[in-house]
C-alpha atoms as a PDB file:
ATOM      1  CA  MET A   1      84.992  97.882 122.384  1.00  0.00           C
ATOM      2  CA  ASP A   2      81.907  96.886 120.404  1.00  0.00           C
ATOM      3  CA  LYS A   3      82.462  93.744 118.296  1.00  0.00           C
ATOM      4  CA  LYS A   4      79.399  94.673 116.229  1.00  0.00           C
ATOM      5  CA  LYS A   5      81.416  97.592 114.927  1.00  0.00           C
ATOM      6  CA  LEU A   6      84.028  97.438 112.208  1.00  0.00           C
ATOM      7  CA  GLN A   7      87.491  97.089 113.771  1.00  0.00           C
ATOM      8  CA  ILE A   8      89.975  99.201 111.815  1.00  0.00           C
ATOM      9  CA  ALA A   9      93.474 100.666 111.954  1.00  0.00           C
ATOM     10  CA  LEU A  10      95.189 103.304 109.836  1.00  0.00           C
ATOM     11  CA  TYR A  11      98.965 103.767 109.676  1.00  0.00           C
ATOM     12  CA  TRP A  12     101.206 106.527 108.350  1.00  0.00           C
ATOM     13  CA  GLY A  13     104.463 105.204 106.852  1.00  0.00           C
ATOM     14  CA  ALA A  14     106.929 107.083 104.660  1.00  0.00           C
ATOM     15  CA  ALA A  15     104.542 109.786 103.491  1.00  0.00           C
ATOM     16  CA  CYS A  16     103.615 113.444 103.864  1.00  0.00           C
ATOM     17  CA  GLY A  17     100.418 112.942 105.870  1.00  0.00           C
ATOM     18  CA  GLY A  18      98.105 113.980 103.046  1.00  0.00           C
ATOM     19  CA  CYS A  19      96.447 110.566 102.923  1.00  0.00           C
ATOM     20  CA  ASP A  20      95.457 110.827 106.583  1.00  0.00           C
ATOM     21  CA  VAL A  21      94.114 114.312 105.912  1.00  0.00           C
ATOM     22  CA  SER A  22      92.077 112.934 102.998  1.00  0.00           C
ATOM     23  CA  VAL A  23      90.220 110.729 105.495  1.00  0.00           C
ATOM     24  CA  LEU A  24      89.485 113.815 107.585  1.00  0.00           C
ATOM     25  CA  ASP A  25      88.379 115.554 104.373  1.00  0.00           C
ATOM     26  CA  THR A  26      85.364 113.279 104.229  1.00  0.00           C
ATOM     27  CA  ASN A  27      83.944 116.022 106.513  1.00  0.00           C
ATOM     28  CA  GLU A  28      80.793 114.984 108.356  1.00  0.00           C
ATOM     29  CA  PHE A  29      81.204 111.400 107.080  1.00  0.00           C
ATOM     30  CA  ILE A  30      83.949 111.084 109.699  1.00  0.00           C
ATOM     31  CA  LEU A  31      81.126 110.941 112.263  1.00  0.00           C
ATOM     32  CA  ASP A  32      79.665 107.962 110.409  1.00  0.00           C
ATOM     33  CA  ILE A  33      83.108 106.321 110.519  1.00  0.00           C
ATOM     34  CA  ALA A  34      83.272 106.873 114.272  1.00  0.00           C
ATOM     35  CA  ALA A  35      79.776 105.448 114.703  1.00  0.00           C
ATOM     36  CA  ALA A  36      80.457 102.370 112.571  1.00  0.00           C
ATOM     37  CA  CYS A  37      84.056 101.656 113.546  1.00  0.00           C
ATOM     38  CA  ASP A  38      86.332 101.106 116.501  1.00  0.00           C
ATOM     39  CA  ILE A  39      89.604 102.768 115.513  1.00  0.00           C
ATOM     40  CA  HIS A  40      92.585 101.033 117.105  1.00  0.00           C
ATOM     41  CA  MET A  41      95.326 103.062 115.441  1.00  0.00           C
ATOM     42  CA  TRP A  42      95.367 106.307 113.489  1.00  0.00           C
ATOM     43  CA  PRO A  43      98.474 108.434 114.157  1.00  0.00           C
ATOM     44  CA  ILE A  44      96.968 111.717 112.990  1.00  0.00           C
ATOM     45  CA  ALA A  45      93.896 111.493 115.241  1.00  0.00           C
ATOM     46  CA  HIS A  46      94.103 108.571 117.665  1.00  0.00           C
ATOM     47  CA  ASP A  47      96.699 107.800 120.337  1.00  0.00           C
ATOM     48  CA  GLY A  48      96.938 104.083 119.623  1.00  0.00           C
ATOM     49  CA  LYS A  49     100.044 102.207 120.803  1.00  0.00           C
ATOM     50  CA  TYR A  50     101.941  99.496 118.957  1.00  0.00           C
ATOM     51  CA  LYS A  51     101.715  97.236 122.012  1.00  0.00           C
ATOM     52  CA  ASP A  52      97.913  97.474 121.856  1.00  0.00           C
ATOM     53  CA  ILE A  53      97.917  96.235 118.253  1.00  0.00           C
ATOM     54  CA  GLU A  54     100.410  93.500 119.129  1.00  0.00           C
ATOM     55  CA  ALA A  55      98.053  92.294 121.884  1.00  0.00           C
ATOM     56  CA  LEU A  56      95.139  91.761 119.463  1.00  0.00           C
ATOM     57  CA  GLU A  57      94.318  88.300 118.160  1.00  0.00           C
ATOM     58  CA  ASP A  58      95.535  87.582 114.647  1.00  0.00           C
ATOM     59  CA  GLY A  59      92.888  88.633 112.118  1.00  0.00           C
ATOM     60  CA  PHE A  60      91.013  90.688 114.735  1.00  0.00           C
ATOM     61  CA  LEU A  61      90.961  93.849 112.620  1.00  0.00           C
ATOM     62  CA  ASP A  62      88.445  93.910 109.786  1.00  0.00           C
ATOM     63  CA  LEU A  63      90.444  96.511 107.885  1.00  0.00           C
ATOM     64  CA  ALA A  64      93.915  98.057 107.921  1.00  0.00           C
ATOM     65  CA  MET A  65      94.595 101.054 105.700  1.00  0.00           C
ATOM     66  CA  TYR A  66      98.332 101.594 105.298  1.00  0.00           C
ATOM     67  CA  ASN A  67      99.453 104.838 103.654  1.00  0.00           C
ATOM     68  CA  GLY A  68     103.045 105.680 102.880  1.00  0.00           C
ATOM     69  CA  ALA A  69     105.952 103.766 101.431  1.00  0.00           C
ATOM     70  CA  VAL A  70     108.318 101.506 103.368  1.00  0.00           C
ATOM     71  CA  ARG A  71     111.518 103.472 104.022  1.00  0.00           C
ATOM     72  CA  ASN A  72     112.762 102.084 107.337  1.00  0.00           C
ATOM     73  CA  SER A  73     112.539  99.152 109.738  1.00  0.00           C
ATOM     74  CA  GLU A  74     109.631 100.659 111.704  1.00  0.00           C
ATOM     75  CA  ASN A  75     107.543 101.022 108.530  1.00  0.00           C
ATOM     76  CA  GLU A  76     108.209  97.379 107.665  1.00  0.00           C
ATOM     77  CA  HIS A  77     107.512  96.133 111.199  1.00  0.00           C
ATOM     78  CA  ILE A  78     104.110  97.839 111.308  1.00  0.00           C
ATOM     79  CA  ALA A  79     103.282  96.608 107.800  1.00  0.00           C
ATOM     80  CA  HIS A  80     103.851  93.005 108.926  1.00  0.00           C
ATOM     81  CA  LEU A  81     102.030  93.617 112.208  1.00  0.00           C
ATOM     82  CA  LEU A  82      98.918  95.086 110.569  1.00  0.00           C
ATOM     83  CA  ARG A  83      98.928  92.367 107.908  1.00  0.00           C
ATOM     84  CA  LYS A  84      98.968  89.721 110.639  1.00  0.00           C
ATOM     85  CA  LYS A  85      96.203  91.380 112.650  1.00  0.00           C
ATOM     86  CA  SER A  86      93.825  92.299 109.795  1.00  0.00           C
ATOM     87  CA  LYS A  87      91.475  90.471 107.480  1.00  0.00           C
ATOM     88  CA  VAL A  88      91.745  93.102 104.723  1.00  0.00           C
ATOM     89  CA  MET A  89      94.910  95.094 103.986  1.00  0.00           C
ATOM     90  CA  VAL A  90      94.575  98.201 101.820  1.00  0.00           C
ATOM     91  CA  ALA A  91      97.449 100.141 100.270  1.00  0.00           C
ATOM     92  CA  TYR A  92      96.015 103.637 100.606  1.00  0.00           C
ATOM     93  CA  GLY A  93      97.448 106.355  98.384  1.00  0.00           C
ATOM     94  CA  SER A  94     100.266 106.572  95.854  1.00  0.00           C
ATOM     95  CA  CYS A  95     103.136 105.938  98.264  1.00  0.00           C
ATOM     96  CA  ALA A  96     101.770 102.596  99.480  1.00  0.00           C
ATOM     97  CA  HIS A  97     100.459 101.749  96.003  1.00  0.00           C
ATOM     98  CA  ILE A  98     103.529 102.423  93.811  1.00  0.00           C
ATOM     99  CA  GLY A  99     106.142 104.090  96.040  1.00  0.00           C
ATOM    100  CA  GLY A 100     105.063 107.687  95.558  1.00  0.00           C
ATOM    101  CA  ILE A 101     107.226 110.770  95.980  1.00  0.00           C
ATOM    102  CA  PRO A 102     109.452 109.058  98.589  1.00  0.00           C
ATOM    103  CA  GLY A 103     110.370 106.554  95.877  1.00  0.00           C
ATOM    104  CA  LEU A 104     112.333 109.260  94.052  1.00  0.00           C
ATOM    105  CA  ALA A 105     114.911 108.838  96.825  1.00  0.00           C
ATOM    106  CA  ASN A 106     115.794 105.590  95.041  1.00  0.00           C
ATOM    107  CA  THR A 107     117.668 107.685  92.460  1.00  0.00           C
ATOM    108  CA  PHE A 108     120.252 108.299  95.205  1.00  0.00           C
ATOM    109  CA  THR A 109     122.125 105.964  97.521  1.00  0.00           C
ATOM    110  CA  ARG A 110     121.562 105.971 101.266  1.00  0.00           C
ATOM    111  CA  GLU A 111     125.052 107.410 101.709  1.00  0.00           C
ATOM    112  CA  GLU A 112     124.321 110.301  99.333  1.00  0.00           C
ATOM    113  CA  ILE A 113     121.118 111.112 101.220  1.00  0.00           C
ATOM    114  CA  PHE A 114     122.911 111.112 104.571  1.00  0.00           C
ATOM    115  CA  GLU A 115     125.703 113.264 103.155  1.00  0.00           C
ATOM    116  CA  SER A 116     123.216 115.834 101.885  1.00  0.00           C
ATOM    117  CA  ALA A 117     121.039 115.837 105.012  1.00  0.00           C
ATOM    118  CA  TYR A 118     123.632 115.519 107.775  1.00  0.00           C
ATOM    119  CA  LEU A 119     127.101 116.357 106.468  1.00  0.00           C
ATOM    120  CA  LYS A 120     126.831 119.049 103.789  1.00  0.00           C
ATOM    121  CA  ASN A 121     123.577 120.734 104.738  1.00  0.00           C
ATOM    122  CA  PRO A 122     123.980 124.550 105.020  1.00  0.00           C
ATOM    123  CA  SER A 123     122.259 124.457 108.409  1.00  0.00           C
ATOM    124  CA  ILE A 124     124.758 121.945 109.841  1.00  0.00           C
ATOM    125  CA  GLN A 125     127.950 123.047 111.586  1.00  0.00           C
ATOM    126  CA  GLU A 126     130.869 122.777 109.176  1.00  0.00           C
ATOM    127  CA  GLY A 127     132.904 119.647 109.742  1.00  0.00           C
ATOM    128  CA  ASN A 128     130.058 117.726 111.353  1.00  0.00           C
ATOM    129  CA  LYS A 129     130.494 113.969 110.907  1.00  0.00           C
ATOM    130  CA  THR A 130     127.462 112.735 112.842  1.00  0.00           C
ATOM    131  CA  VAL A 131     124.830 110.658 111.070  1.00  0.00           C
ATOM    132  CA  PRO A 132     121.959 108.715 112.676  1.00  0.00           C
ATOM    133  CA  GLN A 133     122.700 105.190 113.879  1.00  0.00           C
ATOM    134  CA  PRO A 134     120.109 102.529 114.771  1.00  0.00           C
ATOM    135  CA  GLN A 135     121.699 102.181 118.230  1.00  0.00           C
ATOM    136  CA  THR A 136     123.587 104.820 120.191  1.00  0.00           C
ATOM    137  CA  GLU A 137     125.066 104.441 123.680  1.00  0.00           C
ATOM    138  CA  VAL A 138     124.248 107.373 125.968  1.00  0.00           C
ATOM    139  CA  ASP A 139     124.486 108.022 129.687  1.00  0.00           C
ATOM    140  CA  GLY A 140     121.952 105.791 131.306  1.00  0.00           C
ATOM    141  CA  GLY A 141     121.329 103.371 128.473  1.00  0.00           C
ATOM    142  CA  GLU A 142     120.954 102.917 124.732  1.00  0.00           C
ATOM    143  CA  LEU A 143     118.885 104.978 122.296  1.00  0.00           C
ATOM    144  CA  THR A 144     117.354 103.188 119.310  1.00  0.00           C
ATOM    145  CA  ILE A 145     115.780 104.573 116.153  1.00  0.00           C
ATOM    146  CA  PRO A 146     114.477 102.776 113.026  1.00  0.00           C
ATOM    147  CA  ALA A 147     117.093 101.541 110.582  1.00  0.00           C
ATOM    148  CA  PHE A 148     117.139 103.591 107.356  1.00  0.00           C
ATOM    149  CA  TYR A 149     116.939 101.182 104.415  1.00  0.00           C
ATOM    150  CA  LYS A 150     119.042 101.370 101.264  1.00  0.00           C
ATOM    151  CA  ARG A 151     115.926 101.975  99.179  1.00  0.00           C
ATOM    152  CA  VAL A 152     112.218 102.762  99.325  1.00  0.00           C
ATOM    153  CA  TYR A 153     109.699  99.935  98.856  1.00  0.00           C
ATOM    154  CA  LYS A 154     106.031  99.968  97.954  1.00  0.00           C
ATOM    155  CA  LEU A 155     103.784  98.161 100.409  1.00  0.00           C
ATOM    156  CA  ASP A 156     103.277  94.953  98.426  1.00  0.00           C
ATOM    157  CA  ASP A 157     107.053  94.485  98.235  1.00  0.00           C
ATOM    158  CA  VAL A 158     106.981  93.561 101.924  1.00  0.00           C
ATOM    159  CA  VAL A 159     103.471  92.218 102.683  1.00  0.00           C
ATOM    160  CA  ASP A 160     100.488  90.768 100.873  1.00  0.00           C
ATOM    161  CA  VAL A 161      98.016  93.508  99.878  1.00  0.00           C
ATOM    162  CA  ASP A 162      94.327  92.913  99.205  1.00  0.00           C
ATOM    163  CA  TYR A 163      93.327  96.228  97.604  1.00  0.00           C
ATOM    164  CA  TYR A 164      94.886  99.423  96.309  1.00  0.00           C
ATOM    165  CA  ILE A 165      93.395 102.919  96.515  1.00  0.00           C
ATOM    166  CA  PRO A 166      95.494 105.250  94.327  1.00  0.00           C
ATOM    167  CA  GLY A 167      95.955 108.999  94.470  1.00  0.00           C
ATOM    168  CA  CYS A 168      98.148 111.659  96.048  1.00  0.00           C
ATOM    169  CA  PRO A 169      96.054 111.809  98.083  1.00  0.00           C
ATOM    170  CA  PRO A 170      93.002 109.693  97.223  1.00  0.00           C
ATOM    171  CA  ALA A 171      89.844 111.704  96.745  1.00  0.00           C
ATOM    172  CA  PRO A 172      87.667 111.696  99.899  1.00  0.00           C
ATOM    173  CA  GLU A 173      84.931 109.972  97.900  1.00  0.00           C
ATOM    174  CA  GLN A 174      87.254 106.977  97.413  1.00  0.00           C
ATOM    175  CA  CYS A 175      87.794 106.714 101.150  1.00  0.00           C
ATOM    176  CA  LYS A 176      84.056 106.922 101.790  1.00  0.00           C
ATOM    177  CA  ALA A 177      83.380 104.261  99.158  1.00  0.00           C
ATOM    178  CA  VAL A 178      85.784 101.650 100.544  1.00  0.00           C
ATOM    179  CA  LEU A 179      84.700 102.145 104.161  1.00  0.00           C
ATOM    180  CA  SER A 180      81.018 102.117 103.204  1.00  0.00           C
ATOM    181  CA  LEU A 181      81.489  98.925 101.196  1.00  0.00           C
ATOM    182  CA  ILE A 182      83.101  97.059 104.068  1.00  0.00           C
ATOM    183  CA  VAL A 183      80.600  98.371 106.634  1.00  0.00           C
ATOM    184  CA  SER A 184      77.697  97.306 104.410  1.00  0.00           C
ATOM    185  CA  GLY A 185      78.857  93.711 104.243  1.00  0.00           C
ATOM    186  CA  GLN A 186      78.464  93.624 100.465  1.00  0.00           C
ATOM    187  CA  PRO A 187      80.758  91.334  98.428  1.00  0.00           C
ATOM    188  CA  LEU A 188      84.215  92.844  98.004  1.00  0.00           C
ATOM    189  CA  PRO A 189      85.930  93.264  94.613  1.00  0.00           C
ATOM    190  CA  PRO A 190      88.413  90.602  93.472  1.00  0.00           C
ATOM    191  CA  LYS A 191      91.622  90.620  95.478  1.00  0.00           C
ATOM    192  CA  GLY A 192      94.262  92.863  93.943  1.00  0.00           C
ATOM    193  CA  SER A 193      91.740  95.360  92.576  1.00  0.00           C
ATOM    194  CA  VAL A 194      92.630  99.026  92.255  1.00  0.00           C
ATOM    195  CA  VAL A 195      89.588 100.593  93.915  1.00  0.00           C
ATOM    196  CA  GLY A 196      88.197 103.986  92.931  1.00  0.00           C
ATOM    197  CA  ALA A 197      89.997 104.160  89.603  1.00  0.00           C
ATOM    198  CA  SER A 198      89.177 103.231  86.054  1.00  0.00           C
ATOM    199  CA  GLU A 199      91.161 100.995  83.699  1.00  0.00           C
ATOM    200  CA  ARG A 200      91.323 103.670  81.001  1.00  0.00           C
ATOM    201  CA  ALA A 201      93.798 106.521  80.682  1.00  0.00           C
ATOM    202  CA  LEU A 202      93.043 109.920  82.182  1.00  0.00           C
ATOM    203  CA  CYS A 203      93.335 111.420  78.681  1.00  0.00           C
ATOM    204  CA  GLU A 204      90.139 109.607  77.751  1.00  0.00           C
ATOM    205  CA  ASP A 205      88.233 111.542  80.416  1.00  0.00           C
ATOM    206  CA  CYS A 206      89.953 114.876  79.803  1.00  0.00           C
ATOM    207  CA  GLN A 207      87.785 117.307  77.809  1.00  0.00           C
ATOM    208  CA  ARG A 208      90.675 119.348  76.429  1.00  0.00           C
ATOM    209  CA  LYS A 209      90.919 119.375  72.628  1.00  0.00           C
ATOM    210  CA  LYS A 210      93.531 117.104  71.060  1.00  0.00           C
ATOM    211  CA  ASP A 211      94.709 117.850  67.522  1.00  0.00           C
ATOM    212  CA  GLU A 212      97.789 115.582  67.438  1.00  0.00           C
ATOM    213  CA  LYS A 213      99.930 118.670  67.024  1.00  0.00           C
ATOM    214  CA  MET A 214     103.717 118.166  67.186  1.00  0.00           C
ATOM    215  CA  ILE A 215     105.827 120.563  69.232  1.00  0.00           C
ATOM    216  CA  LYS A 216     109.195 122.321  68.982  1.00  0.00           C
ATOM    217  CA  GLN A 217     109.573 123.347  72.622  1.00  0.00           C
ATOM    218  CA  PHE A 218     108.674 122.195  76.134  1.00  0.00           C
ATOM    219  CA  PHE A 219     107.606 124.583  78.885  1.00  0.00           C
ATOM    220  CA  ARG A 220     107.099 124.463  82.615  1.00  0.00           C
ATOM    221  CA  PRO A 221     103.508 125.509  83.476  1.00  0.00           C
ATOM    222  CA  TRP A 222     104.492 128.973  84.695  1.00  0.00           C
ATOM    223  CA  GLN A 223     106.481 129.799  81.558  1.00  0.00           C
ATOM    224  CA  ILE A 224     103.541 130.246  79.180  1.00  0.00           C
ATOM    225  CA  ILE A 225      99.986 131.517  79.176  1.00  0.00           C
ATOM    226  CA  GLN A 226      98.175 128.350  78.228  1.00  0.00           C
ATOM    227  CA  ASP A 227      95.018 127.789  76.252  1.00  0.00           C
ATOM    228  CA  PRO A 228      92.552 126.394  78.843  1.00  0.00           C
ATOM    229  CA  GLU A 229      90.724 124.333  76.225  1.00  0.00           C
ATOM    230  CA  LYS A 230      93.697 122.739  74.490  1.00  0.00           C
ATOM    231  CA  CYS A 231      95.627 119.559  75.367  1.00  0.00           C
ATOM    232  CA  LEU A 232      98.461 120.517  77.719  1.00  0.00           C
ATOM    233  CA  LEU A 233     100.949 118.136  76.130  1.00  0.00           C
ATOM    234  CA  GLU A 234     100.259 119.661  72.719  1.00  0.00           C
ATOM    235  CA  GLN A 235     101.141 123.030  74.253  1.00  0.00           C
ATOM    236  CA  GLY A 236     104.524 121.673  75.311  1.00  0.00           C
ATOM    237  CA  ILE A 237     103.629 121.094  78.976  1.00  0.00           C
ATOM    238  CA  VAL A 238     104.612 117.599  80.100  1.00  0.00           C
ATOM    239  CA  CYS A 239     101.396 115.856  81.161  1.00  0.00           C
ATOM    240  CA  ALA A 240     101.235 112.240  82.328  1.00  0.00           C
ATOM    241  CA  GLY A 241      97.568 111.755  81.429  1.00  0.00           C
ATOM    242  CA  SER A 242      98.211 109.330  78.579  1.00  0.00           C
ATOM    243  CA  ALA A 243     100.035 106.935  80.932  1.00  0.00           C
ATOM    244  CA  THR A 244      97.936 107.320  84.086  1.00  0.00           C
ATOM    245  CA  ARG A 245      94.736 105.681  85.309  1.00  0.00           C
ATOM    246  CA  SER A 246      91.637 107.823  85.259  1.00  0.00           C
ATOM    247  CA  GLY A 247      89.342 108.119  88.247  1.00  0.00           C
ATOM    248  CA  CYS A 248      90.473 111.324  89.954  1.00  0.00           C
ATOM    249  CA  GLY A 249      87.945 113.474  88.131  1.00  0.00           C
ATOM    250  CA  VAL A 250      90.677 115.039  85.943  1.00  0.00           C
ATOM    251  CA  ARG A 251      91.332 117.417  88.822  1.00  0.00           C
ATOM    252  CA  CYS A 252      94.762 118.661  87.755  1.00  0.00           C
ATOM    253  CA  PRO A 253      94.143 119.358  84.022  1.00  0.00           C
ATOM    254  CA  ASP A 254      90.784 120.928  84.889  1.00  0.00           C
ATOM    255  CA  SER A 255      92.752 123.259  87.178  1.00  0.00           C
ATOM    256  CA  ASN A 256      95.166 124.143  84.348  1.00  0.00           C
ATOM    257  CA  MET A 257      97.918 121.929  85.732  1.00  0.00           C
ATOM    258  CA  PRO A 258      99.318 118.805  84.045  1.00  0.00           C
ATOM    259  CA  CYS A 259      98.533 115.330  85.318  1.00  0.00           C
ATOM    260  CA  ARG A 260     101.339 114.215  87.634  1.00  0.00           C
ATOM    261  CA  GLY A 261     100.690 110.472  87.352  1.00  0.00           C
ATOM    262  CA  CYS A 262      99.616 109.826  90.946  1.00  0.00           C
ATOM    263  CA  TYR A 263      96.931 107.247  90.096  1.00  0.00           C
ATOM    264  CA  GLY A 264      99.574 104.946  88.666  1.00  0.00           C
ATOM    265  CA  PRO A 265      99.669 102.993  85.406  1.00  0.00           C
ATOM    266  CA  MET A 266      96.767 101.401  83.586  1.00  0.00           C
ATOM    267  CA  PRO A 267      96.501  97.593  83.655  1.00  0.00           C
ATOM    268  CA  ASN A 268      99.175  95.758  81.645  1.00  0.00           C
ATOM    269  CA  VAL A 269     101.522  98.786  81.616  1.00  0.00           C
ATOM    270  CA  VAL A 270     104.800  97.381  82.909  1.00  0.00           C
ATOM    271  CA  ASP A 271     106.533 100.706  83.573  1.00  0.00           C
ATOM    272  CA  GLN A 272     104.561 103.954  83.881  1.00  0.00           C
ATOM    273  CA  GLY A 273     107.688 106.108  83.562  1.00  0.00           C
ATOM    274  CA  ALA A 274     108.679 104.469  80.287  1.00  0.00           C
ATOM    275  CA  LYS A 275     105.124 105.005  79.013  1.00  0.00           C
ATOM    276  CA  ILE A 276     105.307 108.713  79.914  1.00  0.00           C
ATOM    277  CA  ILE A 277     108.688 109.062  78.182  1.00  0.00           C
ATOM    278  CA  SER A 278     107.234 107.353  75.108  1.00  0.00           C
ATOM    279  CA  SER A 279     104.308 109.814  75.053  1.00  0.00           C
ATOM    280  CA  VAL A 280     106.640 112.783  75.355  1.00  0.00           C
ATOM    281  CA  SER A 281     108.955 111.457  72.652  1.00  0.00           C
ATOM    282  CA  SER A 282     106.109 110.836  70.212  1.00  0.00           C
ATOM    283  CA  ILE A 283     105.106 114.510  70.114  1.00  0.00           C
ATOM    284  CA  ILE A 284     108.535 115.990  69.313  1.00  0.00           C
ATOM    285  CA  ASP A 285     108.535 117.613  65.868  1.00  0.00           C
ATOM    286  CA  SER A 286     112.046 116.769  64.693  1.00  0.00           C
ATOM    287  CA  GLN A 287     114.222 113.992  63.320  1.00  0.00           C
ATOM    288  CA  ASP A 288     117.493 115.826  63.927  1.00  0.00           C
ATOM    289  CA  PRO A 289     119.389 114.536  66.999  1.00  0.00           C
ATOM    290  CA  GLU A 290     120.816 117.944  67.910  1.00  0.00           C
ATOM    291  CA  GLU A 291     117.436 119.649  67.606  1.00  0.00           C
ATOM    292  CA  ILE A 292     115.790 116.860  69.611  1.00  0.00           C
ATOM    293  CA  ASP A 293     118.339 117.356  72.385  1.00  0.00           C
ATOM    294  CA  LYS A 294     117.608 121.084  72.370  1.00  0.00           C
ATOM    295  CA  ILE A 295     113.850 120.465  72.582  1.00  0.00           C
ATOM    296  CA  LEU A 296     114.300 117.958  75.406  1.00  0.00           C
ATOM    297  CA  SER A 297     116.436 120.444  77.341  1.00  0.00           C
ATOM    298  CA  GLY A 298     113.177 122.266  78.075  1.00  0.00           C
ATOM    299  CA  ILE A 299     112.180 119.400  80.368  1.00  0.00           C
ATOM    300  CA  HIS A 300     113.733 120.337  83.680  1.00  0.00           C
ATOM    301  CA  ASP A 301     113.920 116.810  85.136  1.00  0.00           C
ATOM    302  CA  ILE A 302     112.682 113.955  82.965  1.00  0.00           C
ATOM    303  CA  THR A 303     113.228 111.368  85.712  1.00  0.00           C
ATOM    304  CA  GLY A 304     111.269 113.478  88.168  1.00  0.00           C
ATOM    305  CA  TYR A 305     108.436 113.878  85.643  1.00  0.00           C
ATOM    306  CA  ALA A 306     108.276 110.287  84.438  1.00  0.00           C
ATOM    307  CA  TYR A 307     108.908 108.527  87.742  1.00  0.00           C
ATOM    308  CA  ARG A 308     107.457 111.072  90.157  1.00  0.00           C
ATOM    309  CA  PHE A 309     105.277 108.420  91.762  1.00  0.00           C
ATOM    310  CA  GLY A 310     106.307 105.054  90.345  1.00  0.00           C
ATOM    311  CA  MET A 311     110.086 104.752  90.742  1.00  0.00           C
ATOM    312  CA  ALA A 312     109.883 102.145  93.523  1.00  0.00           C
ATOM    313  CA  GLY A 313     107.717  99.905  91.341  1.00  0.00           C
ATOM    314  CA  SER A 314     109.453 100.576  88.032  1.00  0.00           C
ATOM    315  CA  LEU A 315     111.840  98.419  86.031  1.00  0.00           C
ATOM    316  CA  LEU A 316     114.638 100.724  87.231  1.00  0.00           C
ATOM    317  CA  GLN A 317     113.596 100.575  90.927  1.00  0.00           C
ATOM    318  CA  ARG A 318     116.716 102.272  92.263  1.00  0.00           C
ATOM    319  CA  SER A 319     120.122 103.729  91.534  1.00  0.00           C
ATOM    320  CA  VAL A 320     123.162 101.530  92.119  1.00  0.00           C
ATOM    321  CA  ARG A 321     126.630 103.000  92.597  1.00  0.00           C
END
């Protein structure tokens, strides 16, 4: 271990693994990371053990990058552990930042999720009544697994976070920028900053033409042949660009797909989902309630569109039965 190097750890919580892959997607820069850093934990690439992190002095790590939401007791334990052992804690990616896709599970109760996954799943033997338990007695001892929480949390619900890097996943350039900044020893941004993103809406960076046209019908992207130069929302395709931070390079709209909202809300937006619903509502060309309902029926899942990434941090937060 070389104390002249940056001491870092990366952790994968409730997430798909794409954020870890985005670090690998820095390509040859990964060699610079290896040269500049001692990596103490990185589940996708490094066989670090929890006990090794627990043995470190408090504040020993210069940087901890936590990706994924907090879904179970293991996720929360490691969040507290890395916070205790690190000088700088970064919420890396949409799931750590605002809850991400896992946060949509908050629209169901824990019991409903278990019923779907373990009791009424087509691949499960009919009549099965077995669901996971934190402790189970077996021959020779006791098996333990993480406790499954009633809801999904974003990282700063459980620990203090210094910086946020948004995106699903963050662009490799964002990863390079934050690591390079810390390695360089330059002054860090103010605590709480969203790094690698702008404070303006993605729509302001999108080059598609906007004519403020009202619409009579919504479409899913595969249902129409779109005009590649025209605003997607004005073509009836639900796009979250008006309610989402810019900074991704407008990657989705430039690829003829609507913005999904993964960079989270702009500053001072209390609820990104409500902002998206407001944008969608403002473009409907009707004052008739029945016609409005018919137009809205073209949106397959308004909750899934509006709160695809931000449910865990929204005003709604979760479903209660």
